[in-house]
Amino acid sequence: MEFNLQYDLKCLKDYVELRDGAKLTDPSLGRFCGSIYPAFVDSTDNEMLVRFRTDNSVVKTGFKASYTSIKGNQLTKTFTCVVSF
């Protein structure tokens, strides 16, 4: 994964936020900014919300994330998402 967003202590300006489900009200899996990101994140079901926010005040290179769909012990699909500036 590549990750380079504007950093601020509380991740309020530019960030990627992950939710365990399809809604903003679902449980948070984390909010990430700067160059700090998790090695992997698991959802408890078949949906995960990925929300990207920017205040457009500082330009960084963006992020690239991959996700994999697993059913039982079988790998079913792998996808990549790229957001760059």
N, C-alpha and C. Protein backbone atom coordinates (compact mmCIF):
# COMPACT_ATOMS: atom_id res chain seq x y z
N MET A 1 0.85 -1.18 0.00
CA MET A 1 0.00 0.00 0.00
C MET A 1 0.89 1.23 0.00
N GLU A 2 0.47 2.22 -0.72
CA GLU A 2 1.15 3.51 -0.72
C GLU A 2 0.23 4.50 0.00
N PHE A 3 0.81 5.37 0.81
CA PHE A 3 -0.03 6.26 1.61
C PHE A 3 0.75 7.53 1.92
N ASN A 4 0.28 8.66 1.41
CA ASN A 4 0.94 9.94 1.66
C ASN A 4 -0.10 11.05 1.61
N LEU A 5 -0.69 11.35 2.76
CA LEU A 5 -1.68 12.41 2.89
C LEU A 5 -1.16 13.48 3.83
N GLN A 6 -1.81 14.64 3.84
CA GLN A 6 -1.45 15.69 4.78
C GLN A 6 -1.58 15.17 6.21
N TYR A 7 -0.59 15.47 7.04
CA TYR A 7 -0.63 15.02 8.43
C TYR A 7 -1.11 16.14 9.35
N ASP A 8 -1.98 15.81 10.26
CA ASP A 8 -2.26 16.64 11.43
C ASP A 8 -2.59 15.69 12.57
N LEU A 9 -2.35 16.12 13.78
CA LEU A 9 -2.40 15.25 14.95
C LEU A 9 -3.71 14.46 15.08
N LYS A 10 -4.83 15.08 14.77
CA LYS A 10 -6.13 14.42 14.94
C LYS A 10 -6.72 13.90 13.63
N CYS A 11 -5.95 13.97 12.55
CA CYS A 11 -6.43 13.52 11.22
C CYS A 11 -7.77 14.17 10.86
N LEU A 12 -7.82 15.49 10.93
CA LEU A 12 -9.06 16.20 10.62
C LEU A 12 -9.05 16.84 9.23
N LYS A 13 -7.87 17.01 8.61
CA LYS A 13 -7.78 17.73 7.33
C LYS A 13 -7.88 16.78 6.14
N ASP A 14 -6.92 15.92 5.96
CA ASP A 14 -6.96 14.90 4.91
C ASP A 14 -6.86 13.54 5.59
N TYR A 15 -7.78 12.64 5.26
CA TYR A 15 -7.73 11.34 5.90
C TYR A 15 -8.49 10.29 5.10
N VAL A 16 -8.19 9.04 5.41
CA VAL A 16 -8.97 7.90 4.95
C VAL A 16 -9.58 7.29 6.21
N GLU A 17 -10.88 7.11 6.18
CA GLU A 17 -11.60 6.54 7.31
C GLU A 17 -12.23 5.22 6.87
N LEU A 18 -12.12 4.20 7.70
CA LEU A 18 -12.68 2.89 7.40
C LEU A 18 -13.79 2.55 8.39
N ARG A 19 -14.90 2.03 7.87
CA ARG A 19 -16.03 1.63 8.71
C ARG A 19 -16.37 0.16 8.46
N ASP A 20 -16.75 -0.53 9.50
CA ASP A 20 -17.09 -1.95 9.43
C ASP A 20 -18.55 -2.11 9.00
N GLY A 21 -18.81 -1.81 7.74
CA GLY A 21 -20.16 -1.83 7.18
C GLY A 21 -20.24 -0.77 6.10
N ALA A 22 -21.43 -0.54 5.57
CA ALA A 22 -21.62 0.37 4.44
C ALA A 22 -22.04 1.78 4.83
N LYS A 23 -22.24 2.04 6.12
CA LYS A 23 -22.75 3.35 6.55
C LYS A 23 -21.75 4.08 7.43
N LEU A 24 -21.83 5.41 7.45
CA LEU A 24 -20.95 6.22 8.31
C LEU A 24 -21.25 6.00 9.79
N THR A 25 -22.40 5.43 10.10
CA THR A 25 -22.76 5.15 11.49
C THR A 25 -22.27 3.78 11.96
N ASP A 26 -21.75 2.97 11.05
CA ASP A 26 -21.21 1.66 11.43
C ASP A 26 -19.91 1.83 12.22
N PRO A 27 -19.49 0.82 12.97
CA PRO A 27 -18.30 0.94 13.82
C PRO A 27 -17.04 1.32 13.04
N SER A 28 -16.25 2.20 13.63
CA SER A 28 -15.02 2.66 13.00
C SER A 28 -13.93 1.58 13.07
N LEU A 29 -13.21 1.44 11.96
CA LEU A 29 -12.04 0.57 11.92
C LEU A 29 -10.76 1.39 11.93
N GLY A 30 -10.91 2.72 11.94
CA GLY A 30 -9.76 3.61 12.04
C GLY A 30 -9.83 4.79 11.08
N ARG A 31 -9.06 5.82 11.42
CA ARG A 31 -8.90 7.01 10.58
C ARG A 31 -7.40 7.22 10.44
N PHE A 32 -6.95 7.41 9.20
CA PHE A 32 -5.52 7.43 8.92
C PHE A 32 -5.15 8.65 8.09
N CYS A 33 -3.99 9.24 8.43
CA CYS A 33 -3.49 10.40 7.69
C CYS A 33 -1.97 10.39 7.72
N GLY A 34 -1.36 11.37 7.07
CA GLY A 34 0.10 11.42 7.01
C GLY A 34 0.61 10.23 6.22
N SER A 35 1.55 9.51 6.78
CA SER A 35 2.09 8.32 6.12
C SER A 35 1.89 7.07 6.97
N ILE A 36 1.01 7.16 7.97
CA ILE A 36 0.77 6.04 8.89
C ILE A 36 -0.53 5.33 8.49
N TYR A 37 -0.43 4.04 8.25
CA TYR A 37 -1.58 3.25 7.85
C TYR A 37 -1.44 1.83 8.41
N PRO A 38 -2.53 1.10 8.52
CA PRO A 38 -2.45 -0.26 9.07
C PRO A 38 -1.94 -1.24 8.01
N ALA A 39 -1.30 -2.31 8.47
CA ALA A 39 -0.84 -3.35 7.54
C ALA A 39 -2.03 -4.03 6.87
N PHE A 40 -3.06 -4.31 7.65
CA PHE A 40 -4.30 -4.87 7.11
C PHE A 40 -5.45 -4.55 8.06
N VAL A 41 -6.65 -4.60 7.52
CA VAL A 41 -7.86 -4.36 8.30
C VAL A 41 -8.88 -5.40 7.88
N ASP A 42 -9.52 -6.03 8.83
CA ASP A 42 -10.56 -7.02 8.55
C ASP A 42 -11.92 -6.45 8.90
N SER A 43 -12.91 -6.74 8.05
CA SER A 43 -14.29 -6.40 8.38
C SER A 43 -14.97 -7.66 8.91
N THR A 44 -16.06 -7.48 9.63
CA THR A 44 -16.75 -8.63 10.21
C THR A 44 -17.78 -9.22 9.26
N ASP A 45 -18.08 -8.52 8.16
CA ASP A 45 -19.07 -9.01 7.20
C ASP A 45 -18.54 -8.73 5.79
N ASN A 46 -19.43 -8.61 4.81
CA ASN A 46 -18.99 -8.46 3.43
C ASN A 46 -18.98 -7.02 2.94
N GLU A 47 -19.08 -6.04 3.85
CA GLU A 47 -19.06 -4.63 3.45
C GLU A 47 -18.09 -3.84 4.32
N MET A 48 -17.38 -2.91 3.67
CA MET A 48 -16.50 -1.99 4.39
C MET A 48 -16.57 -0.64 3.66
N LEU A 49 -16.82 0.42 4.41
CA LEU A 49 -16.87 1.76 3.85
C LEU A 49 -15.47 2.37 3.91
N VAL A 50 -15.02 2.89 2.77
CA VAL A 50 -13.75 3.61 2.70
C VAL A 50 -14.10 5.04 2.33
N ARG A 51 -13.80 5.96 3.23
CA ARG A 51 -14.14 7.38 3.02
C ARG A 51 -12.85 8.18 2.96
N PHE A 52 -12.68 8.93 1.88
CA PHE A 52 -11.53 9.81 1.73
C PHE A 52 -12.00 11.25 1.83
N ARG A 53 -11.32 12.03 2.64
CA ARG A 53 -11.65 13.44 2.79
C ARG A 53 -10.40 14.28 2.64
N THR A 54 -10.53 15.42 1.97
CA THR A 54 -9.43 16.37 1.87
C THR A 54 -9.97 17.79 2.01
N ASP A 55 -9.15 18.66 2.58
CA ASP A 55 -9.53 20.07 2.65
C ASP A 55 -8.85 20.87 1.52
N ASN A 56 -8.10 20.20 0.66
CA ASN A 56 -7.44 20.79 -0.51
C ASN A 56 -6.42 21.87 -0.18
N SER A 57 -5.93 21.90 1.05
CA SER A 57 -4.97 22.95 1.42
C SER A 57 -3.52 22.56 1.16
N VAL A 58 -3.21 21.26 1.17
CA VAL A 58 -1.85 20.76 0.94
C VAL A 58 -1.94 19.62 -0.06
N VAL A 59 -1.04 19.62 -1.05
CA VAL A 59 -1.06 18.56 -2.06
C VAL A 59 0.00 17.51 -1.72
N LYS A 60 -0.45 16.28 -1.58
CA LYS A 60 0.43 15.12 -1.37
C LYS A 60 0.15 14.13 -2.49
N THR A 61 0.84 13.01 -2.50
CA THR A 61 0.69 12.06 -3.61
C THR A 61 -0.55 11.18 -3.53
N GLY A 62 -1.21 11.09 -2.38
CA GLY A 62 -2.44 10.32 -2.27
C GLY A 62 -2.23 8.95 -1.66
N PHE A 63 -3.06 7.99 -2.07
CA PHE A 63 -2.92 6.66 -1.50
C PHE A 63 -3.34 5.58 -2.50
N LYS A 64 -2.87 4.40 -2.26
CA LYS A 64 -3.23 3.23 -3.05
C LYS A 64 -3.51 2.12 -2.05
N ALA A 65 -4.65 1.49 -2.18
CA ALA A 65 -5.02 0.42 -1.26
C ALA A 65 -5.55 -0.77 -2.05
N SER A 66 -5.29 -1.94 -1.56
CA SER A 66 -5.81 -3.16 -2.17
C SER A 66 -6.69 -3.87 -1.16
N TYR A 67 -7.70 -4.55 -1.67
CA TYR A 67 -8.50 -5.36 -0.76
C TYR A 67 -8.80 -6.69 -1.42
N THR A 68 -9.00 -7.67 -0.57
CA THR A 68 -9.20 -9.04 -1.02
C THR A 68 -10.50 -9.58 -0.43
N SER A 69 -11.24 -10.27 -1.26
CA SER A 69 -12.48 -10.91 -0.82
C SER A 69 -12.20 -12.38 -0.56
N ILE A 70 -12.55 -12.83 0.65
CA ILE A 70 -12.32 -14.22 1.03
C ILE A 70 -13.64 -14.81 1.50
N LYS A 71 -14.01 -15.96 0.97
CA LYS A 71 -15.22 -16.66 1.38
C LYS A 71 -14.79 -17.99 1.96
N GLY A 72 -15.05 -18.18 3.26
CA GLY A 72 -14.52 -19.36 3.94
C GLY A 72 -13.01 -19.25 3.98
N ASN A 73 -12.31 -20.21 3.45
CA ASN A 73 -10.84 -20.15 3.34
C ASN A 73 -10.40 -19.93 1.91
N GLN A 74 -11.34 -19.56 1.02
CA GLN A 74 -11.05 -19.41 -0.40
C GLN A 74 -10.92 -17.94 -0.79
N LEU A 75 -9.82 -17.59 -1.45
CA LEU A 75 -9.65 -16.26 -2.02
C LEU A 75 -10.56 -16.16 -3.24
N THR A 76 -11.44 -15.13 -3.26
CA THR A 76 -12.37 -15.01 -4.38
C THR A 76 -12.01 -13.87 -5.32
N LYS A 77 -11.60 -12.71 -4.80
CA LYS A 77 -11.27 -11.58 -5.66
C LYS A 77 -10.26 -10.67 -4.96
N THR A 78 -9.43 -9.99 -5.75
CA THR A 78 -8.54 -8.96 -5.23
C THR A 78 -8.73 -7.71 -6.06
N PHE A 79 -8.85 -6.55 -5.42
CA PHE A 79 -9.07 -5.28 -6.07
C PHE A 79 -8.04 -4.25 -5.59
N THR A 80 -7.81 -3.23 -6.40
CA THR A 80 -6.93 -2.13 -6.01
C THR A 80 -7.64 -0.81 -6.26
N CYS A 81 -7.51 0.10 -5.31
CA CYS A 81 -8.07 1.45 -5.39
C CYS A 81 -6.92 2.45 -5.36
N VAL A 82 -6.89 3.41 -6.28
CA VAL A 82 -5.82 4.41 -6.32
C VAL A 82 -6.46 5.80 -6.30
N VAL A 83 -6.02 6.63 -5.37
CA VAL A 83 -6.42 8.03 -5.33
C VAL A 83 -5.13 8.83 -5.32
N SER A 84 -4.90 9.60 -6.37
CA SER A 84 -3.67 10.39 -6.44
C SER A 84 -4.01 11.81 -6.86
N PHE A 85 -3.09 12.71 -6.58
CA PHE A 85 -3.33 14.14 -6.85
C PHE A 85 -2.36 14.64 -7.88
